[in-house]
Protein backbone atom coordinates (compact mmCIF):
# COMPACT_ATOMS: atom_id res chain seq x y z
CA MET A 1 30.38 -61.43 40.78
CA ALA A 2 32.22 -60.65 37.56
CA THR A 3 31.26 -57.51 35.71
CA THR A 4 31.36 -57.36 31.93
CA VAL A 5 32.31 -54.02 30.46
CA HIS A 6 31.18 -53.43 26.89
CA GLU A 7 33.04 -51.10 24.61
CA PRO A 8 31.02 -48.10 23.41
CA PRO A 9 29.82 -48.41 19.84
CA LYS A 10 31.91 -46.68 17.22
CA ILE A 11 30.23 -43.97 15.24
CA GLY A 12 31.37 -43.58 11.68
CA PRO A 13 30.17 -42.07 8.43
CA VAL A 14 26.89 -43.35 7.05
CA ARG A 15 27.17 -45.57 4.02
CA GLY A 16 26.20 -43.96 0.77
CA ALA A 17 27.01 -40.49 2.04
CA LYS A 18 30.01 -38.27 1.52
CA THR A 19 31.53 -36.42 4.43
CA ALA A 20 33.02 -32.98 4.33
CA ARG A 21 34.93 -31.19 7.02
CA GLY A 22 34.05 -27.55 7.51
CA ASN A 23 33.35 -24.98 10.21
CA GLY A 24 34.71 -27.31 12.91
CA GLY A 25 32.32 -30.20 12.22
CA TRP A 26 31.31 -32.94 9.84
CA ASN A 27 28.54 -32.45 7.27
CA LEU A 28 26.85 -35.41 5.67
CA VAL A 29 26.10 -35.01 1.97
CA PRO A 30 24.10 -37.52 -0.12
CA ALA A 31 26.28 -39.70 -2.32
CA ASP A 32 24.81 -38.22 -5.49
CA GLY A 33 25.46 -34.70 -4.16
CA ASP A 34 21.79 -33.69 -4.42
CA LEU A 35 20.83 -31.55 -1.43
CA ARG A 36 17.33 -30.88 -2.75
CA VAL A 37 16.05 -34.23 -1.47
CA GLY A 38 15.66 -32.91 2.08
CA GLU A 39 14.13 -29.64 0.91
CA ARG A 40 11.24 -31.05 -1.10
CA GLY A 41 9.02 -31.56 1.93
CA SER A 42 9.56 -28.10 3.42
CA PRO A 43 7.37 -25.12 2.46
CA PRO A 44 8.97 -22.16 0.65
CA PRO A 45 10.39 -19.50 3.01
CA ALA A 46 8.30 -16.79 1.33
CA SER A 47 5.05 -18.63 2.10
CA VAL A 48 6.05 -19.31 5.71
CA GLY A 49 7.04 -15.68 6.23
CA VAL A 50 3.83 -14.24 4.83
CA TRP A 51 1.62 -16.58 6.88
CA VAL A 52 3.50 -15.73 10.06
CA GLY A 53 3.22 -12.03 9.19
CA MET A 54 -0.52 -12.25 8.56
CA ALA A 55 -1.01 -14.08 11.86
CA ALA A 56 0.87 -11.33 13.71
CA ILE A 57 -1.14 -8.61 11.97
CA THR A 58 -4.39 -10.39 12.82
CA MET A 59 -3.44 -10.55 16.49
CA SER A 60 -2.50 -6.85 16.50
CA PHE A 61 -5.80 -5.71 15.03
CA ALA A 62 -7.70 -8.09 17.32
CA ALA A 63 -6.04 -6.30 20.23
CA PHE A 64 -7.03 -2.92 18.73
CA THR A 65 -10.61 -4.14 18.37
CA SER A 66 -10.75 -5.33 21.96
CA ALA A 67 -9.36 -2.02 23.22
CA LEU A 68 -11.90 -0.07 21.14
CA ILE A 69 -14.88 -2.05 22.47
CA VAL A 70 -13.70 -1.78 26.07
CA ARG A 71 -12.98 1.95 25.75
CA GLU A 72 -16.35 2.68 24.20
CA GLY A 73 -18.28 0.78 26.86
CA ALA A 74 -16.32 2.13 29.81
CA SER A 75 -16.59 5.84 29.03
CA SER A 76 -19.28 8.45 28.56
CA ASP A 77 -17.20 10.76 26.35
CA TRP A 78 -17.36 8.58 23.23
CA GLN A 79 -18.28 10.86 20.32
CA HIS A 80 -20.00 9.43 17.25
CA PHE A 81 -19.34 10.97 13.84
CA SER A 82 -20.03 10.18 10.21
CA LEU A 83 -17.30 8.40 8.30
CA PRO A 84 -15.83 10.34 5.35
CA SER A 85 -17.54 9.21 2.15
CA ILE A 86 -14.20 8.71 0.41
CA LEU A 87 -13.67 5.60 2.51
CA TYR A 88 -16.26 3.81 0.42
CA ILE A 89 -14.50 4.88 -2.78
CA ASN A 90 -11.25 3.60 -1.31
CA THR A 91 -12.94 0.28 -0.59
CA VAL A 92 -13.96 -0.10 -4.24
CA LEU A 93 -10.41 0.72 -5.35
CA LEU A 94 -8.94 -1.91 -3.06
CA LEU A 95 -11.43 -4.55 -4.20
CA ILE A 96 -10.61 -3.85 -7.84
CA SER A 97 -6.89 -4.03 -7.06
CA SER A 98 -7.29 -7.57 -5.71
CA PHE A 99 -9.04 -8.53 -8.93
CA THR A 100 -6.35 -7.02 -11.17
CA LEU A 101 -3.57 -8.59 -9.11
CA GLU A 102 -5.17 -12.00 -9.46
CA LEU A 103 -5.38 -11.52 -13.23
CA GLY A 104 -1.68 -10.68 -13.33
CA ARG A 105 -0.74 -13.58 -11.06
CA ARG A 106 -2.61 -16.09 -13.17
CA SER A 107 -1.05 -14.69 -16.34
CA VAL A 108 2.47 -15.15 -14.99
CA ALA A 109 1.67 -18.55 -13.44
CA ARG A 110 0.33 -19.73 -16.79
CA VAL A 111 3.63 -18.88 -18.49
CA MET A 112 5.63 -20.59 -15.72
CA SER A 113 3.56 -23.77 -15.99
CA ARG A 114 4.04 -24.04 -19.75
CA SER A 115 7.82 -23.71 -19.73
CA GLN A 116 10.78 -22.87 -17.56
CA ASP A 117 10.95 -19.39 -19.07
CA GLN A 118 9.23 -16.52 -17.33
CA ALA A 119 7.28 -13.69 -18.84
CA LYS A 120 9.60 -11.25 -20.59
CA ALA A 121 7.82 -8.27 -19.06
CA PRO A 122 5.50 -7.82 -16.06
CA PRO A 123 1.81 -7.93 -17.03
CA LEU A 124 -0.02 -4.62 -17.26
CA TRP A 125 -2.30 -5.83 -14.46
CA PHE A 126 0.55 -5.51 -11.95
CA TYR A 127 1.01 -1.83 -12.77
CA VAL A 128 -2.73 -1.27 -12.53
CA THR A 129 -2.73 -2.92 -9.09
CA LEU A 130 0.20 -0.75 -8.02
CA ALA A 131 -1.62 2.41 -9.14
CA LEU A 132 -4.83 1.40 -7.37
CA GLY A 133 -2.90 0.72 -4.17
CA VAL A 134 -1.29 4.16 -4.28
CA LEU A 135 -4.71 5.73 -4.88
CA PHE A 136 -6.08 3.86 -1.86
CA VAL A 137 -3.36 5.23 0.44
CA ALA A 138 -3.86 8.72 -0.99
CA GLY A 139 -7.60 8.38 -0.40
CA GLN A 140 -6.98 7.50 3.24
CA TYR A 141 -4.96 10.69 3.60
CA VAL A 142 -7.86 12.64 2.11
CA ALA A 143 -10.15 11.05 4.73
CA TRP A 144 -7.83 12.25 7.50
CA LEU A 145 -7.88 15.77 6.06
CA LYS A 146 -11.67 15.61 5.99
CA LEU A 147 -11.82 14.79 9.70
CA LYS A 148 -9.34 17.56 10.51
CA SER A 149 -11.52 20.05 8.67
CA GLU A 150 -14.36 19.04 10.99
CA GLY A 151 -12.20 19.61 14.07
CA LEU A 152 -11.57 15.93 14.77
CA TYR A 153 -7.89 15.30 15.48
CA LEU A 154 -5.98 12.38 16.95
CA ALA A 155 -6.44 13.58 20.54
CA THR A 156 -9.87 15.19 20.16
CA ASN A 157 -11.90 12.20 21.27
CA PRO A 158 -11.34 8.47 21.91
CA SER A 159 -13.40 7.63 18.83
CA SER A 160 -11.33 9.85 16.54
CA SER A 161 -8.15 8.49 18.10
CA PHE A 162 -9.12 4.92 17.25
CA PHE A 163 -10.11 5.99 13.73
CA TYR A 164 -6.69 7.49 13.03
CA VAL A 165 -4.79 4.61 14.62
CA LEU A 166 -6.69 1.84 12.83
CA THR A 167 -6.71 3.45 9.40
CA ALA A 168 -3.07 4.56 9.64
CA ALA A 169 -1.92 1.10 10.77
CA HIS A 170 -3.75 -0.50 7.86
CA ALA A 171 -2.35 2.05 5.39
CA LEU A 172 1.19 1.29 6.57
CA HIS A 173 0.64 -2.42 5.97
CA VAL A 174 -0.75 -1.64 2.52
CA CYS A 175 2.47 0.28 1.81
CA GLY A 176 4.31 -2.90 2.73
CA GLY A 177 2.23 -4.75 0.17
CA LEU A 178 3.09 -2.11 -2.43
CA GLY A 179 6.76 -2.70 -1.68
CA GLY A 180 6.27 -6.42 -2.20
CA LEU A 181 4.54 -5.80 -5.51
CA VAL A 182 7.40 -3.58 -6.69
CA ARG A 183 9.79 -6.39 -5.76
CA VAL A 184 7.76 -8.86 -7.83
CA ILE A 185 7.86 -6.53 -10.85
CA ARG A 186 11.64 -6.10 -10.55
CA LYS A 187 12.21 -9.83 -10.29
CA LEU A 188 10.04 -10.41 -13.34
CA ARG A 189 12.13 -7.95 -15.33
CA ARG A 190 15.27 -9.88 -14.36
CA SER A 191 13.56 -13.25 -14.98
CA ASP A 192 14.37 -14.14 -11.36
CA LEU A 193 10.88 -14.52 -9.89
CA ARG A 194 9.90 -17.62 -7.96
CA ARG A 195 6.35 -18.89 -7.96
CA SER A 196 6.32 -18.92 -4.15
CA THR A 197 7.24 -15.22 -4.01
CA LEU A 198 4.47 -14.34 -6.45
CA ASP A 199 1.87 -16.34 -4.52
CA ALA A 200 2.99 -14.98 -1.14
CA THR A 201 2.67 -11.38 -2.39
CA SER A 202 -0.81 -12.11 -3.72
CA TYR A 203 -1.93 -13.74 -0.47
CA TYR A 204 -0.74 -10.73 1.53
CA TRP A 205 -2.52 -8.27 -0.75
CA HIS A 206 -5.79 -10.15 -0.60
CA PHE A 207 -5.42 -10.30 3.18
CA MET A 208 -5.13 -6.50 3.26
CA ASP A 209 -8.37 -6.36 1.29
CA VAL A 210 -10.24 -8.59 3.73
CA LEU A 211 -8.76 -6.76 6.71
CA TRP A 212 -9.95 -3.41 5.38
CA LEU A 213 -13.49 -4.71 4.89
CA TYR A 214 -13.47 -5.82 8.52
CA LEU A 215 -12.14 -2.45 9.71
CA LEU A 216 -14.69 -0.56 7.66
CA MET A 217 -17.54 -2.52 9.21
CA LEU A 218 -16.04 -1.98 12.67
CA LEU A 219 -15.67 1.77 12.18
CA TRP A 220 -19.15 2.09 10.65
CA SER A 221 -20.75 0.36 13.66
CA LYS A 222 -18.75 2.15 16.36
CA MET A 223 -18.07 5.67 15.08
């Protein structure tokens, strides 16, 4: 029986595309040279990064919550204590900071939507949010000093240990949000701020607000 051998198909450049040699391979470039066509359907890197970060933070605090519940139920040395009253003041400060940040975000977004030019200077609301965030972290430190004055340290009791760990972990993430807000202000001054960066920073800050409300309710019911 005769066997027919077919030649393998030849692979060549795609019509309507320009080829460029570089880094040991061929890169296909649209004929009009516009690389933005393939990027329009992909989400901004800032938004992807902040959502991945919030998911990781949520999983971490879910693990902390599970460990707290198991530790409380499996031991007889769990000591209940009253939460420092400054925590409630800190809660109000953080809630107000979310409100002021949203005012600033909408102010900048309004300017961006009207024209290609950005605001010449960061809105006052951003500085107010930054100050409120610093006051919140300082208030958390005052709460730790209050517990120390009552003889409750990190290793005094499982309940006090969880209090310090949860509040300190949240305060560190708030500091990360403060860093993001400072970055937004600097980019606004240089007229180099992207809308996605502004929105991602706002989402993260509001997430810190919601997370703190959850932690406060958890600490109030377990401590």
